[in-house]
Protein backbone atom coordinates (compact mmCIF):
# COMPACT_ATOMS: atom_id res chain seq x y z
CA MET A 1 12.20 -3.35 -7.93
CA ARG A 2 9.39 -4.51 -5.70
CA VAL A 3 8.52 -8.12 -6.21
CA VAL A 4 5.47 -8.42 -4.04
CA SER A 5 2.02 -7.47 -5.38
CA ARG A 6 0.45 -5.03 -2.95
CA HIS A 7 -3.05 -6.00 -4.07
CA ARG A 8 -2.51 -9.68 -3.32
CA VAL A 9 -0.81 -8.90 0.00
CA GLY A 10 -3.86 -6.80 0.85
CA VAL A 11 -6.13 -9.72 0.00
CA ALA A 12 -4.09 -12.07 2.21
CA LEU A 13 -4.13 -9.62 5.10
CA GLY A 14 -7.83 -9.02 4.59
CA CYS A 15 -8.50 -12.74 4.85
CA ALA A 16 -6.43 -12.93 8.02
CA TRP A 17 -8.31 -9.93 9.45
CA ALA A 18 -11.64 -11.59 8.66
CA ALA A 19 -10.44 -14.71 10.43
CA ALA A 20 -9.46 -12.67 13.45
CA ALA A 21 -12.87 -11.02 13.58
CA VAL A 22 -14.71 -14.32 13.32
CA PHE A 23 -12.50 -16.31 15.66
CA ALA A 24 -11.62 -13.57 18.14
CA GLN A 25 -12.67 -15.79 21.04
CA GLN A 26 -10.53 -18.75 19.94
CA THR A 27 -6.87 -19.32 20.73
CA LEU A 28 -4.25 -17.37 18.79
CA ALA A 29 -3.01 -20.58 17.21
CA ASP A 30 -6.32 -20.81 15.39
CA ASP A 31 -5.57 -17.47 13.69
CA MET A 32 -2.47 -18.74 11.87
CA ARG A 33 -2.82 -18.99 8.10
CA TYR A 34 -0.42 -20.34 5.47
CA GLY A 35 -0.41 -19.97 1.72
CA LEU A 36 1.49 -20.53 -1.51
CA ASN A 37 1.49 -18.36 -4.64
CA LEU A 38 2.78 -19.62 -8.00
CA ASP A 39 3.31 -16.83 -10.55
CA TYR A 40 4.21 -16.36 -14.18
CA LEU A 41 5.11 -12.75 -15.04
CA TYR A 42 5.82 -11.13 -18.41
CA ASP A 43 7.43 -7.67 -18.56
CA ASP A 44 8.08 -6.03 -21.93
CA ASN A 45 10.57 -3.47 -20.55
CA VAL A 46 12.38 -5.34 -17.82
CA ASN A 47 15.49 -3.14 -18.15
CA ARG A 48 13.47 0.10 -17.76
CA ALA A 49 15.03 1.49 -20.94
CA ALA A 50 14.64 5.20 -21.58
CA VAL A 51 14.83 4.58 -25.36
CA SER A 52 12.00 2.51 -26.81
CA SER A 53 14.30 0.69 -29.23
CA GLU A 54 16.38 -0.56 -26.28
CA ARG A 55 13.48 -2.14 -24.39
CA LYS A 56 14.06 -5.79 -23.55
CA PRO A 57 11.27 -8.21 -22.57
CA ASP A 58 11.56 -11.11 -20.19
CA SER A 59 9.44 -13.57 -18.24
CA ALA A 60 9.80 -14.87 -14.71
CA ALA A 61 8.39 -17.79 -12.77
CA SER A 62 8.15 -17.40 -9.00
CA VAL A 63 7.06 -19.28 -5.91
CA GLU A 64 6.10 -17.49 -2.72
CA GLY A 65 5.28 -19.12 0.58
CA TYR A 66 3.79 -17.04 3.36
CA GLY A 67 2.27 -17.18 6.79
CA THR A 68 -0.03 -14.70 8.52
CA ARG A 69 -1.12 -14.50 12.12
CA ALA A 70 -3.91 -12.33 13.49
CA PHE A 71 -3.92 -10.85 16.99
CA PRO A 72 -7.35 -9.42 17.88
CA LEU A 73 -7.08 -6.44 20.22
CA SER A 74 -10.77 -5.62 20.55
CA GLU A 75 -14.04 -6.21 18.73
CA GLY A 76 -13.08 -3.60 16.12
CA SER A 77 -9.28 -3.70 16.01
CA GLY A 78 -6.36 -6.03 15.64
CA ILE A 79 -2.89 -6.64 14.29
CA VAL A 80 -1.91 -9.01 11.46
CA VAL A 81 1.72 -10.02 10.96
CA ARG A 82 2.91 -11.58 7.70
CA GLY A 83 6.16 -13.28 6.76
CA ALA A 84 7.01 -14.50 3.27
CA ALA A 85 9.82 -15.92 1.17
CA GLN A 86 9.75 -15.69 -2.62
CA VAL A 87 12.07 -17.20 -5.23
CA SER A 88 11.91 -15.80 -8.78
CA GLN A 89 13.61 -17.27 -11.86
CA TYR A 90 13.97 -15.06 -14.95
CA LEU A 91 13.97 -16.99 -18.19
CA HIS A 92 16.34 -14.82 -20.26
CA PHE A 93 18.17 -12.39 -17.98
CA ASP A 94 19.11 -15.05 -15.47
CA ASP A 95 21.11 -12.66 -13.26
CA LEU A 96 17.82 -10.97 -12.26
CA SER A 97 16.64 -14.16 -10.58
CA ASN A 98 16.27 -13.44 -6.90
CA LEU A 99 15.32 -14.43 -3.38
CA THR A 100 13.13 -12.04 -1.39
CA LEU A 101 12.32 -12.25 2.31
CA ASP A 102 9.42 -10.06 3.41
CA GLY A 103 7.98 -9.21 6.80
CA ARG A 104 5.27 -6.73 7.77
CA ALA A 105 2.78 -5.87 10.48
CA THR A 106 -0.59 -4.22 9.88
CA TYR A 107 -2.81 -2.60 12.48
CA ARG A 108 -6.45 -2.19 11.51
CA ILE A 109 -9.26 -0.50 13.38
CA GLN A 110 -12.90 -0.01 12.46
CA PRO A 111 -14.03 2.89 14.67
CA VAL A 112 -17.73 2.33 13.98
CA PRO A 113 -18.92 -1.30 13.69
CA GLY A 114 -20.84 -2.18 10.55
CA TYR A 115 -20.30 -3.95 7.25
CA THR A 116 -20.06 -0.76 5.19
CA MET A 117 -18.30 1.30 7.86
CA PRO A 118 -14.74 2.35 6.95
CA TRP A 119 -11.61 0.88 8.50
CA ILE A 120 -8.19 2.47 9.00
CA GLU A 121 -4.91 0.62 8.50
CA ILE A 122 -1.33 1.40 9.48
CA ALA A 123 1.41 -0.90 8.22
CA ALA A 124 5.20 -1.17 8.37
CA GLY A 125 7.73 -3.75 7.31
CA GLY A 126 10.80 -4.60 5.31
CA GLN A 127 12.24 -6.70 2.49
CA TRP A 128 15.63 -8.31 1.99
CA LEU A 129 16.67 -8.80 -1.65
CA LYS A 130 19.39 -11.10 -2.99
CA PHE A 131 19.88 -11.43 -6.75
CA ARG A 132 21.72 -14.24 -8.51
CA ASP A 133 24.38 -11.96 -9.95
CA SER A 134 23.46 -8.30 -9.62
CA GLU A 135 25.16 -6.71 -6.64
CA LEU A 136 23.74 -3.34 -7.67
CA ARG A 137 20.25 -4.59 -6.78
CA ASP A 138 21.09 -6.55 -3.63
CA GLY A 139 19.97 -4.81 -0.48
CA SER A 140 16.96 -4.06 1.65
CA ILE A 141 13.78 -1.99 1.69
CA LEU A 142 11.90 -0.53 4.65
CA PHE A 143 8.35 0.72 4.15
CA ALA A 144 5.47 2.27 6.05
CA SER A 145 1.94 3.18 4.98
CA ALA A 146 -1.47 4.27 6.14
CA GLY A 147 -4.82 3.86 4.45
CA VAL A 148 -8.56 3.77 4.67
CA GLY A 149 -11.05 1.40 3.05
CA SER A 150 -14.64 0.24 3.07
CA TRP A 151 -17.09 -2.19 1.57
CA VAL A 152 -19.35 0.39 -0.11
CA THR A 153 -21.87 -2.33 -0.93
CA ASP A 154 -21.84 -6.11 -0.64
CA ARG A 155 -20.06 -6.17 -4.03
CA ILE A 156 -17.83 -3.08 -4.10
CA ARG A 157 -14.74 -2.52 -1.97
CA LEU A 158 -12.69 0.70 -2.13
CA ALA A 159 -9.38 1.57 -0.48
CA ALA A 160 -6.87 4.44 -0.64
CA ASN A 161 -3.35 4.39 0.81
CA ALA A 162 -0.20 6.48 1.14
CA GLY A 163 3.24 5.15 1.97
CA ARG A 164 6.97 5.68 1.88
CA ASP A 165 9.71 3.21 0.84
CA TRP A 166 13.38 3.51 1.75
CA ARG A 167 15.82 1.32 -0.18
CA ARG A 168 19.47 0.69 0.69
CA ALA A 169 21.72 -1.01 -1.87
CA ARG A 170 24.47 -3.36 -0.79
CA GLU A 171 26.85 -2.04 -3.45
CA GLY A 172 26.98 1.40 -5.06
CA GLU A 173 24.33 4.11 -4.87
CA VAL A 174 22.14 3.55 -7.93
CA TYR A 175 19.51 1.60 -6.00
CA ASP A 176 19.73 3.73 -2.87
CA GLY A 177 16.82 6.12 -2.45
CA ALA A 178 13.32 6.77 -1.26
CA VAL A 179 9.92 6.70 -2.98
CA THR A 180 6.56 8.11 -1.93
CA ARG A 181 3.72 5.82 -2.96
CA LEU A 182 0.03 6.73 -3.32
CA TRP A 183 -2.40 4.06 -4.46
CA ALA A 184 -6.09 3.32 -4.71
CA THR A 185 -7.85 -0.01 -5.32
CA LEU A 186 -11.30 -1.07 -6.41
CA ASP A 187 -12.71 -4.59 -6.11
CA TYR A 188 -16.01 -5.62 -7.66
CA ARG A 189 -17.48 -8.99 -6.72
CA LEU A 190 -19.29 -10.43 -9.73
CA PRO A 191 -22.45 -12.50 -9.37
CA GLY A 192 -21.15 -15.93 -8.58
CA THR A 193 -17.61 -16.17 -7.22
CA ALA A 194 -15.22 -14.14 -9.42
CA THR A 195 -13.91 -10.70 -8.46
CA LEU A 196 -12.74 -7.95 -10.81
CA TYR A 197 -10.15 -5.56 -9.41
CA GLY A 198 -8.15 -2.54 -10.47
CA SER A 199 -5.57 -0.24 -8.98
CA LEU A 200 -3.84 3.06 -9.73
CA THR A 201 -0.47 3.81 -8.12
CA ARG A 202 1.64 6.96 -8.23
CA LEU A 203 5.34 6.70 -7.32
CA SER A 204 7.49 9.79 -6.85
CA GLY A 205 11.14 9.89 -5.87
CA ASP A 206 14.32 8.00 -6.73
CA GLN A 207 13.88 5.68 -9.71
CA VAL A 208 16.25 3.85 -12.05
CA PHE A 209 16.46 4.26 -15.84
CA THR A 210 18.88 2.47 -18.19
CA ALA A 211 20.44 3.50 -21.48
CA SER A 212 22.87 1.94 -23.96
CA SER A 213 23.26 4.58 -26.69
CA ALA A 214 25.69 7.43 -26.11
CA THR A 215 23.00 10.03 -26.82
CA ALA A 216 20.60 8.62 -24.24
CA GLN A 217 23.41 8.20 -21.71
CA THR A 218 24.33 11.86 -22.07
CA LYS A 219 20.73 12.99 -21.54
CA LEU A 220 20.26 10.82 -18.47
CA GLY A 221 23.70 11.60 -17.07
CA ASN A 222 22.95 15.32 -17.02
CA TRP A 223 20.27 14.81 -14.36
CA ALA A 224 21.30 11.61 -12.57
CA SER A 225 22.31 11.62 -8.91
CA ALA A 226 24.08 8.24 -9.31
CA SER A 227 25.04 5.91 -12.15
CA ALA A 228 26.85 2.62 -12.76
CA PRO A 229 27.25 0.01 -15.53
CA ASP A 230 24.56 -2.69 -15.38
CA PRO A 231 26.15 -5.93 -16.62
CA VAL A 232 22.88 -7.88 -16.25
CA PHE A 233 21.83 -6.67 -19.70
CA ALA A 234 25.25 -6.68 -21.41
CA GLY A 235 24.40 -9.78 -23.45
CA ALA A 236 21.51 -7.95 -25.09
CA PHE A 237 23.82 -5.14 -26.28
CA GLY A 238 26.73 -6.99 -27.85
CA GLY A 239 28.53 -7.60 -24.58
CA VAL A 240 28.64 -3.90 -23.62
CA ALA A 241 26.85 -3.16 -20.36
CA PRO A 242 24.26 -0.37 -20.51
CA VAL A 243 24.37 2.23 -17.76
CA ALA A 244 21.82 2.50 -14.95
CA TYR A 245 20.94 5.99 -13.72
CA ARG A 246 19.10 7.09 -10.60
CA LEU A 247 16.84 10.08 -11.24
CA GLN A 248 14.03 11.87 -9.51
CA ALA A 249 10.92 10.73 -11.37
CA THR A 250 7.19 10.12 -11.20
CA THR A 251 5.67 6.82 -12.30
CA LEU A 252 2.05 5.90 -12.84
CA LEU A 253 1.15 2.21 -12.54
CA TYR A 254 -2.17 0.84 -13.78
CA GLU A 255 -3.38 -2.69 -13.06
CA ALA A 256 -6.58 -4.58 -13.81
CA GLY A 257 -7.31 -8.20 -13.11
CA VAL A 258 -9.75 -10.92 -12.22
CA ASN A 259 -9.70 -13.52 -9.46
CA PHE A 260 -11.47 -16.87 -9.96
CA PRO A 261 -11.90 -19.00 -6.82
CA LEU A 262 -11.61 -22.70 -7.60
CA THR A 263 -12.45 -23.89 -4.10
CA GLY A 264 -12.57 -22.22 -0.72
CA MET A 265 -8.77 -22.57 -0.52
CA GLN A 266 -7.61 -22.16 -4.14
CA ALA A 267 -7.90 -19.48 -6.83
CA ILE A 268 -6.60 -18.44 -10.24
CA ASP A 269 -5.64 -14.78 -10.65
CA ALA A 270 -4.89 -13.03 -13.95
CA SER A 271 -3.91 -9.39 -14.36
CA ALA A 272 -2.40 -6.91 -16.80
CA GLY A 273 -0.56 -3.71 -16.01
CA TYR A 274 1.03 -0.66 -17.60
CA PHE A 275 3.70 1.66 -16.19
CA ASP A 276 4.82 5.09 -17.38
CA ALA A 277 7.73 6.92 -15.73
CA LYS A 278 8.88 10.48 -16.40
CA SER A 279 11.92 12.17 -14.89
CA ALA A 280 11.46 15.39 -12.92
CA GLN A 281 14.12 17.08 -15.05
CA GLY A 282 15.17 16.56 -18.65
CA GLY A 283 11.93 14.97 -19.83
CA GLN A 284 13.33 11.41 -19.86
CA ARG A 285 10.83 8.58 -19.62
CA TYR A 286 10.26 4.87 -19.91
CA ALA A 287 7.07 2.83 -20.24
CA GLY A 288 6.06 -0.77 -20.49
CA ALA A 289 3.40 -3.42 -19.96
CA THR A 290 3.14 -6.47 -17.74
CA ALA A 291 0.96 -9.57 -17.57
CA ARG A 292 0.68 -11.97 -14.66
CA LEU A 293 -0.97 -15.37 -14.18
CA SER A 294 -1.08 -16.82 -10.67
CA TYR A 295 -2.26 -19.91 -8.85
CA LEU A 296 -3.06 -19.12 -5.20
CA VAL A 297 -3.59 -21.70 -2.50
CA ARG A 298 -4.22 -21.31 1.22
CA PHE A 299 -3.57 -24.33 3.42
CA ARG A 300 -5.66 -23.31 6.43
């Protein structure tokens, strides 16, 4: 489970890159930026149930603090490093509450100078995950990606990326695995200050499904490479823990949102998403919807 929005991380890195371009002749200390994100998230299938009648909704409140620092290398290239810590509190399934530490470095180069000229990015980093009481999910993630983007006009920004995630669980093998990630984003700056944005992401590789009924467990178990009881959701099924299964699957994620700047340093962000996963074998699937409301503030 990734807890960091790639779109918002991209926005933060983009702001840091812009600062590096503008202040390339200033000291590196001037290129340090800090921010705080306050989120409310609703997920109507937080347990990733393969049977629609077993889907369980939940909401989470989170606080993320981050810092970015830009290191200009030349007029058209530079590196941005980002470190963040996020605390998330789930309102019903309390054991899913977690602490995430995130670090990444992004190298960007614009081979041909110009506002509408494309840039190329290469990024790598990692996450450390610690849940309140879910050892299955504790662990770490390493990731790397490459992408290209451009301001097509003064209002439209496009980007396309490809990446790979490697996750290692602290306990068991259900959350071990690797995922290939392809995603594209579109930003449209409205007249005034607001920005509409959308993204499409395709995930392929190791993904986790859950099931409580014996029939669903049998179907998933036939194709799973790892499985284990998931006590986080036991309370929702009469005290009996459903089983989590790791399968090869493909997931499509859709997101659309709007960002409203309040001042030069503050913004409100609202988005809605939908995810649809299908296993590579056996035809098992899960789907669900999300909604997020965020308050974003940058201190400098």
